[in-house]
Amino acid sequence: MAMSLSTEVRMIKGVGPQRAELLAQRGIYTLEDLLGYVPFRYEDRIHFSKVKDIQPNGVYTIRARVMSGQGGAHHAWPRRHLSFARAG
C-alpha cells in the first residue's frame, strides 16, 4: 500500500483500532499529523549516567542489577513508572 501524508493512521501497519483511538485523542488522524506530533517530553533511554554523576532533582537513565527485593516473577507492574528514592 502506498502511503501519503493524508493516509489515515489506522491504515499504517502496526496501528490497530485501540492505538488509532489513543492517537485520535491527541488529535492525530493522519500520517501528517503523526509526523508533526511533538511529545510532551523526551526521555533519553539510550545513554546511561553514572551514579556518581547524578544530581538532586535531575532525570537520569542508569543501568543497574537488582540483587534482592520483594515481589514475584508474575507480578505485573508498569516498568515505565519505576523510580527509586533511596541509594546507598
PDB file of N, CA and C in Angstrom:
ATOM      1  N   MET A   1       0.834  -1.179   0.000  1.00  0.00           N
ATOM      2  CA  MET A   1       0.000   0.000   0.000  1.00  0.00           C
ATOM      3  C   MET A   1       0.884   1.250   0.000  1.00  0.00           C
ATOM      4  N   ALA A   2       0.622   2.133  -0.919  1.00  0.00           N
ATOM      5  CA  ALA A   2       1.352   3.390  -0.979  1.00  0.00           C
ATOM      6  C   ALA A   2       0.754   4.352   0.041  1.00  0.00           C
ATOM      7  N   MET A   3       1.618   5.054   0.750  1.00  0.00           N
ATOM      8  CA  MET A   3       1.148   5.998   1.756  1.00  0.00           C
ATOM      9  C   MET A   3       1.427   7.420   1.311  1.00  0.00           C
ATOM     10  N   SER A   4       0.563   8.300   1.736  1.00  0.00           N
ATOM     11  CA  SER A   4       0.771   9.729   1.522  1.00  0.00           C
ATOM     12  C   SER A   4       0.548  10.415   2.864  1.00  0.00           C
ATOM     13  N   LEU A   5       0.769  11.689   2.912  1.00  0.00           N
ATOM     14  CA  LEU A   5       0.583  12.412   4.167  1.00  0.00           C
ATOM     15  C   LEU A   5      -0.867  12.385   4.639  1.00  0.00           C
ATOM     16  N   SER A   6      -1.789  12.138   3.718  1.00  0.00           N
ATOM     17  CA  SER A   6      -3.201  12.094   4.097  1.00  0.00           C
ATOM     18  C   SER A   6      -3.677  10.696   4.485  1.00  0.00           C
ATOM     19  N   THR A   7      -2.771   9.712   4.485  1.00  0.00           N
ATOM     20  CA  THR A   7      -3.127   8.353   4.895  1.00  0.00           C
ATOM     21  C   THR A   7      -3.571   8.360   6.349  1.00  0.00           C
ATOM     22  N   GLU A   8      -4.707   7.728   6.616  1.00  0.00           N
ATOM     23  CA  GLU A   8      -5.200   7.651   7.989  1.00  0.00           C
ATOM     24  C   GLU A   8      -4.279   6.747   8.804  1.00  0.00           C
ATOM     25  N   VAL A   9      -4.043   7.104  10.065  1.00  0.00           N
ATOM     26  CA  VAL A   9      -3.123   6.328  10.903  1.00  0.00           C
ATOM     27  C   VAL A   9      -3.588   4.889  11.071  1.00  0.00           C
ATOM     28  N   ARG A  10      -4.887   4.650  11.038  1.00  0.00           N
ATOM     29  CA  ARG A  10      -5.389   3.282  11.196  1.00  0.00           C
ATOM     30  C   ARG A  10      -4.970   2.377  10.047  1.00  0.00           C
ATOM     31  N   MET A  11      -4.506   2.975   8.948  1.00  0.00           N
ATOM     32  CA  MET A  11      -4.074   2.200   7.787  1.00  0.00           C
ATOM     33  C   MET A  11      -2.579   1.869   7.845  1.00  0.00           C
ATOM     34  N   ILE A  12      -1.872   2.405   8.820  1.00  0.00           N
ATOM     35  CA  ILE A  12      -0.436   2.166   8.962  1.00  0.00           C
ATOM     36  C   ILE A  12      -0.221   0.825   9.653  1.00  0.00           C
ATOM     37  N   LYS A  13       0.686   0.037   9.110  1.00  0.00           N
ATOM     38  CA  LYS A  13       0.967  -1.280   9.680  1.00  0.00           C
ATOM     39  C   LYS A  13       1.344  -1.146  11.148  1.00  0.00           C
ATOM     40  N   GLY A  14       0.730  -1.958  11.989  1.00  0.00           N
ATOM     41  CA  GLY A  14       1.022  -1.944  13.418  1.00  0.00           C
ATOM     42  C   GLY A  14       0.108  -1.049  14.232  1.00  0.00           C
ATOM     43  N   VAL A  15      -0.717  -0.251  13.564  1.00  0.00           N
ATOM     44  CA  VAL A  15      -1.668   0.612  14.265  1.00  0.00           C
ATOM     45  C   VAL A  15      -3.034  -0.036  14.185  1.00  0.00           C
ATOM     46  N   GLY A  16      -3.479  -0.580  15.293  1.00  0.00           N
ATOM     47  CA  GLY A  16      -4.790  -1.208  15.358  1.00  0.00           C
ATOM     48  C   GLY A  16      -5.840  -0.223  15.831  1.00  0.00           C
ATOM     49  N   PRO A  17      -7.059  -0.689  16.015  1.00  0.00           N
ATOM     50  CA  PRO A  17      -8.153   0.192  16.443  1.00  0.00           C
ATOM     51  C   PRO A  17      -7.900   0.899  17.776  1.00  0.00           C
ATOM     52  N   GLN A  18      -7.338   0.186  18.744  1.00  0.00           N
ATOM     53  CA  GLN A  18      -7.086   0.815  20.051  1.00  0.00           C
ATOM     54  C   GLN A  18      -6.031   1.898  19.953  1.00  0.00           C
ATOM     55  N   ARG A  19      -4.949   1.625  19.242  1.00  0.00           N
ATOM     56  CA  ARG A  19      -3.888   2.628  19.085  1.00  0.00           C
ATOM     57  C   ARG A  19      -4.408   3.820  18.293  1.00  0.00           C
ATOM     58  N   ALA A  20      -5.203   3.568  17.260  1.00  0.00           N
ATOM     59  CA  ALA A  20      -5.774   4.656  16.466  1.00  0.00           C
ATOM     60  C   ALA A  20      -6.658   5.544  17.342  1.00  0.00           C
ATOM     61  N   GLU A  21      -7.400   4.946  18.264  1.00  0.00           N
ATOM     62  CA  GLU A  21      -8.251   5.717  19.174  1.00  0.00           C
ATOM     63  C   GLU A  21      -7.406   6.570  20.122  1.00  0.00           C
ATOM     64  N   LEU A  22      -6.318   6.009  20.642  1.00  0.00           N
ATOM     65  CA  LEU A  22      -5.419   6.785  21.509  1.00  0.00           C
ATOM     66  C   LEU A  22      -4.801   7.955  20.758  1.00  0.00           C
ATOM     67  N   LEU A  23      -4.413   7.704  19.526  1.00  0.00           N
ATOM     68  CA  LEU A  23      -3.849   8.781  18.705  1.00  0.00           C
ATOM     69  C   LEU A  23      -4.898   9.852  18.416  1.00  0.00           C
ATOM     70  N   ALA A  24      -6.128   9.431  18.142  1.00  0.00           N
ATOM     71  CA  ALA A  24      -7.214  10.379  17.864  1.00  0.00           C
ATOM     72  C   ALA A  24      -7.463  11.281  19.069  1.00  0.00           C
ATOM     73  N   GLN A  25      -7.313  10.740  20.278  1.00  0.00           N
ATOM     74  CA  GLN A  25      -7.492  11.549  21.485  1.00  0.00           C
ATOM     75  C   GLN A  25      -6.453  12.658  21.573  1.00  0.00           C
ATOM     76  N   ARG A  26      -5.354  12.492  20.856  1.00  0.00           N
ATOM     77  CA  ARG A  26      -4.293  13.504  20.819  1.00  0.00           C
ATOM     78  C   ARG A  26      -4.365  14.347  19.542  1.00  0.00           C
ATOM     79  N   GLY A  27      -5.441  14.162  18.789  1.00  0.00           N
ATOM     80  CA  GLY A  27      -5.627  14.947  17.568  1.00  0.00           C
ATOM     81  C   GLY A  27      -4.835  14.425  16.385  1.00  0.00           C
ATOM     82  N   ILE A  28      -4.437  13.159  16.436  1.00  0.00           N
ATOM     83  CA  ILE A  28      -3.628  12.562  15.367  1.00  0.00           C
ATOM     84  C   ILE A  28      -4.524  11.618  14.569  1.00  0.00           C
ATOM     85  N   TYR A  29      -4.813  12.029  13.326  1.00  0.00           N
ATOM     86  CA  TYR A  29      -5.702  11.245  12.474  1.00  0.00           C
ATOM     87  C   TYR A  29      -5.014  10.762  11.204  1.00  0.00           C
ATOM     88  N   THR A  30      -3.992  11.489  10.759  1.00  0.00           N
ATOM     89  CA  THR A  30      -3.314  11.158   9.507  1.00  0.00           C
ATOM     90  C   THR A  30      -1.818  10.986   9.738  1.00  0.00           C
ATOM     91  N   LEU A  31      -1.132  10.470   8.726  1.00  0.00           N
ATOM     92  CA  LEU A  31       0.323  10.333   8.795  1.00  0.00           C
ATOM     93  C   LEU A  31       0.975  11.700   8.988  1.00  0.00           C
ATOM     94  N   GLU A  32       0.430  12.717   8.343  1.00  0.00           N
ATOM     95  CA  GLU A  32       0.969  14.070   8.508  1.00  0.00           C
ATOM     96  C   GLU A  32       0.838  14.541   9.959  1.00  0.00           C
ATOM     97  N   ASP A  33      -0.312  14.260  10.576  1.00  0.00           N
ATOM     98  CA  ASP A  33      -0.498  14.608  11.993  1.00  0.00           C
ATOM     99  C   ASP A  33       0.534  13.896  12.858  1.00  0.00           C
ATOM    100  N   LEU A  34       0.764  12.622  12.562  1.00  0.00           N
ATOM    101  CA  LEU A  34       1.700  11.816  13.339  1.00  0.00           C
ATOM    102  C   LEU A  34       3.124  12.346  13.208  1.00  0.00           C
ATOM    103  N   LEU A  35       3.526  12.704  12.001  1.00  0.00           N
ATOM    104  CA  LEU A  35       4.880  13.223  11.787  1.00  0.00           C
ATOM    105  C   LEU A  35       5.089  14.575  12.453  1.00  0.00           C
ATOM    106  N   GLY A  36       4.019  15.342  12.609  1.00  0.00           N
ATOM    107  CA  GLY A  36       4.135  16.658  13.225  1.00  0.00           C
ATOM    108  C   GLY A  36       3.925  16.664  14.721  1.00  0.00           C
ATOM    109  N   TYR A  37       3.627  15.501  15.294  1.00  0.00           N
ATOM    110  CA  TYR A  37       3.364  15.418  16.727  1.00  0.00           C
ATOM    111  C   TYR A  37       4.655  15.548  17.518  1.00  0.00           C
ATOM    112  N   VAL A  38       4.654  16.440  18.486  1.00  0.00           N
ATOM    113  CA  VAL A  38       5.802  16.620  19.369  1.00  0.00           C
ATOM    114  C   VAL A  38       5.388  16.167  20.756  1.00  0.00           C
ATOM    115  N   PRO A  39       6.046  15.135  21.295  1.00  0.00           N
ATOM    116  CA  PRO A  39       5.660  14.640  22.620  1.00  0.00           C
ATOM    117  C   PRO A  39       5.892  15.677  23.716  1.00  0.00           C
ATOM    118  N   PHE A  40       5.201  15.479  24.821  1.00  0.00           N
ATOM    119  CA  PHE A  40       5.309  16.373  25.974  1.00  0.00           C
ATOM    120  C   PHE A  40       6.749  16.476  26.457  1.00  0.00           C
ATOM    121  N   ARG A  41       7.427  15.350  26.521  1.00  0.00           N
ATOM    122  CA  ARG A  41       8.836  15.347  26.906  1.00  0.00           C
ATOM    123  C   ARG A  41       9.516  14.146  26.270  1.00  0.00           C
ATOM    124  N   TYR A  42      10.813  14.225  26.211  1.00  0.00           N
ATOM    125  CA  TYR A  42      11.601  13.144  25.637  1.00  0.00           C
ATOM    126  C   TYR A  42      12.528  12.611  26.717  1.00  0.00           C
ATOM    127  N   GLU A  43      12.528  11.316  26.899  1.00  0.00           N
ATOM    128  CA  GLU A  43      13.420  10.694  27.870  1.00  0.00           C
ATOM    129  C   GLU A  43      14.464   9.881  27.120  1.00  0.00           C
ATOM    130  N   ASP A  44      15.711  10.243  27.291  1.00  0.00           N
ATOM    131  CA  ASP A  44      16.812   9.536  26.640  1.00  0.00           C
ATOM    132  C   ASP A  44      17.054   8.223  27.370  1.00  0.00           C
ATOM    133  N   ARG A  45      16.731   7.131  26.732  1.00  0.00           N
ATOM    134  CA  ARG A  45      16.912   5.814  27.344  1.00  0.00           C
ATOM    135  C   ARG A  45      18.038   5.039  26.671  1.00  0.00           C
ATOM    136  N   ILE A  46      18.871   5.747  25.931  1.00  0.00           N
ATOM    137  CA  ILE A  46      19.986   5.114  25.228  1.00  0.00           C
ATOM    138  C   ILE A  46      21.296   5.368  25.969  1.00  0.00           C
ATOM    139  N   HIS A  47      21.462   6.589  26.452  1.00  0.00           N
ATOM    140  CA  HIS A  47      22.699   6.963  27.130  1.00  0.00           C
ATOM    141  C   HIS A  47      22.509   6.836  28.640  1.00  0.00           C
ATOM    142  N   PHE A  48      23.394   6.089  29.270  1.00  0.00           N
ATOM    143  CA  PHE A  48      23.297   5.840  30.701  1.00  0.00           C
ATOM    144  C   PHE A  48      24.218   6.776  31.474  1.00  0.00           C
ATOM    145  N   SER A  49      23.742   7.250  32.625  1.00  0.00           N
ATOM    146  CA  SER A  49      24.540   8.091  33.510  1.00  0.00           C
ATOM    147  C   SER A  49      25.209   7.216  34.551  1.00  0.00           C
ATOM    148  N   LYS A  50      26.335   7.682  35.046  1.00  0.00           N
ATOM    149  CA  LYS A  50      26.996   7.005  36.156  1.00  0.00           C
ATOM    150  C   LYS A  50      26.379   7.523  37.446  1.00  0.00           C
ATOM    151  N   VAL A  51      26.230   6.659  38.419  1.00  0.00           N
ATOM    152  CA  VAL A  51      25.615   7.038  39.688  1.00  0.00           C
ATOM    153  C   VAL A  51      26.360   8.211  40.311  1.00  0.00           C
ATOM    154  N   LYS A  52      27.671   8.242  40.184  1.00  0.00           N
ATOM    155  CA  LYS A  52      28.458   9.332  40.793  1.00  0.00           C
ATOM    156  C   LYS A  52      28.177  10.689  40.151  1.00  0.00           C
ATOM    157  N   ASP A  53      27.594  10.697  38.944  1.00  0.00           N
ATOM    158  CA  ASP A  53      27.306  11.949  38.241  1.00  0.00           C
ATOM    159  C   ASP A  53      25.879  12.460  38.457  1.00  0.00           C
ATOM    160  N   ILE A  54      25.072  11.714  39.174  1.00  0.00           N
ATOM    161  CA  ILE A  54      23.671  12.090  39.362  1.00  0.00           C
ATOM    162  C   ILE A  54      23.559  13.238  40.364  1.00  0.00           C
ATOM    163  N   GLN A  55      22.739  14.221  40.012  1.00  0.00           N
ATOM    164  CA  GLN A  55      22.496  15.384  40.859  1.00  0.00           C
ATOM    165  C   GLN A  55      21.051  15.366  41.339  1.00  0.00           C
ATOM    166  N   PRO A  56      20.764  15.963  42.512  1.00  0.00           N
ATOM    167  CA  PRO A  56      19.384  16.014  43.006  1.00  0.00           C
ATOM    168  C   PRO A  56      18.444  16.687  42.006  1.00  0.00           C
ATOM    169  N   ASN A  57      17.212  16.198  41.957  1.00  0.00           N
ATOM    170  CA  ASN A  57      16.131  16.743  41.130  1.00  0.00           C
ATOM    171  C   ASN A  57      16.354  16.574  39.628  1.00  0.00           C
ATOM    172  N   GLY A  58      17.300  15.754  39.237  1.00  0.00           N
ATOM    173  CA  GLY A  58      17.530  15.504  37.829  1.00  0.00           C
ATOM    174  C   GLY A  58      16.810  14.243  37.376  1.00  0.00           C
ATOM    175  N   VAL A  59      16.713  14.067  36.072  1.00  0.00           N
ATOM    176  CA  VAL A  59      16.133  12.858  35.492  1.00  0.00           C
ATOM    177  C   VAL A  59      17.255  12.145  34.756  1.00  0.00           C
ATOM    178  N   TYR A  60      17.492  10.898  35.128  1.00  0.00           N
ATOM    179  CA  TYR A  60      18.616  10.149  34.584  1.00  0.00           C
ATOM    180  C   TYR A  60      18.192   8.745  34.199  1.00  0.00           C
ATOM    181  N   THR A  61      18.954   8.147  33.318  1.00  0.00           N
ATOM    182  CA  THR A  61      18.799   6.737  32.998  1.00  0.00           C
ATOM    183  C   THR A  61      20.066   6.045  33.460  1.00  0.00           C
ATOM    184  N   ILE A  62      19.897   5.042  34.305  1.00  0.00           N
ATOM    185  CA  ILE A  62      21.046   4.278  34.778  1.00  0.00           C
ATOM    186  C   ILE A  62      20.819   2.810  34.476  1.00  0.00           C
ATOM    187  N   ARG A  63      21.894   2.085  34.447  1.00  0.00           N
ATOM    188  CA  ARG A  63      21.823   0.630  34.287  1.00  0.00           C
ATOM    189  C   ARG A  63      22.174   0.031  35.644  1.00  0.00           C
ATOM    190  N   ALA A  64      21.311  -0.844  36.135  1.00  0.00           N
ATOM    191  CA  ALA A  64      21.529  -1.430  37.451  1.00  0.00           C
ATOM    192  C   ALA A  64      21.069  -2.875  37.465  1.00  0.00           C
ATOM    193  N   ARG A  65      21.593  -3.622  38.402  1.00  0.00           N
ATOM    194  CA  ARG A  65      21.165  -5.001  38.620  1.00  0.00           C
ATOM    195  C   ARG A  65      20.513  -5.063  39.991  1.00  0.00           C
ATOM    196  N   VAL A  66      19.290  -5.561  40.037  1.00  0.00           N
ATOM    197  CA  VAL A  66      18.584  -5.703  41.305  1.00  0.00           C
ATOM    198  C   VAL A  66      19.077  -6.989  41.950  1.00  0.00           C
ATOM    199  N   MET A  67      19.661  -6.856  43.120  1.00  0.00           N
ATOM    200  CA  MET A  67      20.245  -8.003  43.807  1.00  0.00           C
ATOM    201  C   MET A  67      19.236  -8.714  44.703  1.00  0.00           C
ATOM    202  N   SER A  68      18.247  -7.999  45.207  1.00  0.00           N
ATOM    203  CA  SER A  68      17.202  -8.612  46.011  1.00  0.00           C
ATOM    204  C   SER A  68      16.011  -7.672  46.028  1.00  0.00           C
ATOM    205  N   GLY A  69      14.889  -8.200  46.458  1.00  0.00           N
ATOM    206  CA  GLY A  69      13.699  -7.367  46.534  1.00  0.00           C
ATOM    207  C   GLY A  69      12.482  -8.206  46.809  1.00  0.00           C
ATOM    208  N   GLN A  70      11.347  -7.558  46.826  1.00  0.00           N
ATOM    209  CA  GLN A  70      10.088  -8.246  47.063  1.00  0.00           C
ATOM    210  C   GLN A  70       9.307  -8.307  45.767  1.00  0.00           C
ATOM    211  N   GLY A  71       8.360  -9.216  45.719  1.00  0.00           N
ATOM    212  CA  GLY A  71       7.533  -9.380  44.533  1.00  0.00           C
ATOM    213  C   GLY A  71       7.894 -10.670  43.840  1.00  0.00           C
ATOM    214  N   GLY A  72       7.014 -11.125  43.007  1.00  0.00           N
ATOM    215  CA  GLY A  72       7.241 -12.375  42.301  1.00  0.00           C
ATOM    216  C   GLY A  72       7.429 -12.151  40.825  1.00  0.00           C
ATOM    217  N   ALA A  73       7.828 -13.185  40.156  1.00  0.00           N
ATOM    218  CA  ALA A  73       8.059 -13.105  38.720  1.00  0.00           C
ATOM    219  C   ALA A  73       6.782 -12.839  37.944  1.00  0.00           C
ATOM    220  N   HIS A  74       5.640 -13.120  38.550  1.00  0.00           N
ATOM    221  CA  HIS A  74       4.376 -12.940  37.850  1.00  0.00           C
ATOM    222  C   HIS A  74       3.709 -11.616  38.194  1.00  0.00           C
ATOM    223  N   HIS A  75       4.362 -10.796  38.997  1.00  0.00           N
ATOM    224  CA  HIS A  75       3.792  -9.509  39.382  1.00  0.00           C
ATOM    225  C   HIS A  75       3.885  -8.553  38.199  1.00  0.00           C
ATOM    226  N   ALA A  76       2.762  -8.121  37.695  1.00  0.00           N
ATOM    227  CA  ALA A  76       2.750  -7.207  36.539  1.00  0.00           C
ATOM    228  C   ALA A  76       2.624  -5.772  37.037  1.00  0.00           C
ATOM    229  N   TRP A  77       3.624  -4.985  36.814  1.00  0.00           N
ATOM    230  CA  TRP A  77       3.584  -3.574  37.159  1.00  0.00           C
ATOM    231  C   TRP A  77       4.250  -2.808  36.032  1.00  0.00           C
ATOM    232  N   PRO A  78       3.797  -1.596  35.784  1.00  0.00           N
ATOM    233  CA  PRO A  78       4.331  -0.837  34.650  1.00  0.00           C
ATOM    234  C   PRO A  78       5.766  -0.388  34.893  1.00  0.00           C
ATOM    235  N   ARG A  79       6.682  -0.922  34.148  1.00  0.00           N
ATOM    236  CA  ARG A  79       8.100  -0.613  34.312  1.00  0.00           C
ATOM    237  C   ARG A  79       8.396   0.845  34.002  1.00  0.00           C
ATOM    238  N   ARG A  80       7.620   1.454  33.128  1.00  0.00           N
ATOM    239  CA  ARG A  80       7.919   2.822  32.735  1.00  0.00           C
ATOM    240  C   ARG A  80       7.710   3.824  33.860  1.00  0.00           C
ATOM    241  N   HIS A  81       7.027   3.425  34.930  1.00  0.00           N
ATOM    242  CA  HIS A  81       6.813   4.318  36.058  1.00  0.00           C
ATOM    243  C   HIS A  81       7.713   3.959  37.233  1.00  0.00           C
ATOM    244  N   LEU A  82       8.686   3.132  36.994  1.00  0.00           N
ATOM    245  CA  LEU A  82       9.605   2.705  38.034  1.00  0.00           C
ATOM    246  C   LEU A  82      10.498   3.875  38.431  1.00  0.00           C
ATOM    247  N   SER A  83      10.608   4.110  39.719  1.00  0.00           N
ATOM    248  CA  SER A  83      11.513   5.147  40.212  1.00  0.00           C
ATOM    249  C   SER A  83      12.069   4.717  41.544  1.00  0.00           C
ATOM    250  N   PHE A  84      13.193   5.268  41.905  1.00  0.00           N
ATOM    251  CA  PHE A  84      13.856   4.948  43.160  1.00  0.00           C
ATOM    252  C   PHE A  84      14.098   6.232  43.925  1.00  0.00           C
ATOM    253  N   ALA A  85      13.928   6.178  45.218  1.00  0.00           N
ATOM    254  CA  ALA A  85      14.109   7.353  46.043  1.00  0.00           C
ATOM    255  C   ALA A  85      15.294   7.235  46.982  1.00  0.00           C
ATOM    256  N   ARG A  86      15.920   6.069  47.039  1.00  0.00           N
ATOM    257  CA  ARG A  86      16.989   5.876  48.008  1.00  0.00           C
ATOM    258  C   ARG A  86      18.149   5.131  47.358  1.00  0.00           C
ATOM    259  N   ALA A  87      19.331   5.557  47.667  1.00  0.00           N
ATOM    260  CA  ALA A  87      20.526   4.865  47.187  1.00  0.00           C
ATOM    261  C   ALA A  87      21.469   4.695  48.356  1.00  0.00           C
ATOM    262  N   GLY A  88      22.252   3.684  48.292  1.00  0.00           N
ATOM    263  CA  GLY A  88      23.251   3.587  49.330  1.00  0.00           C
ATOM    264  C   GLY A  88      23.247   2.308  50.023  1.00  0.00           C
TER     265      GLY A  88
END
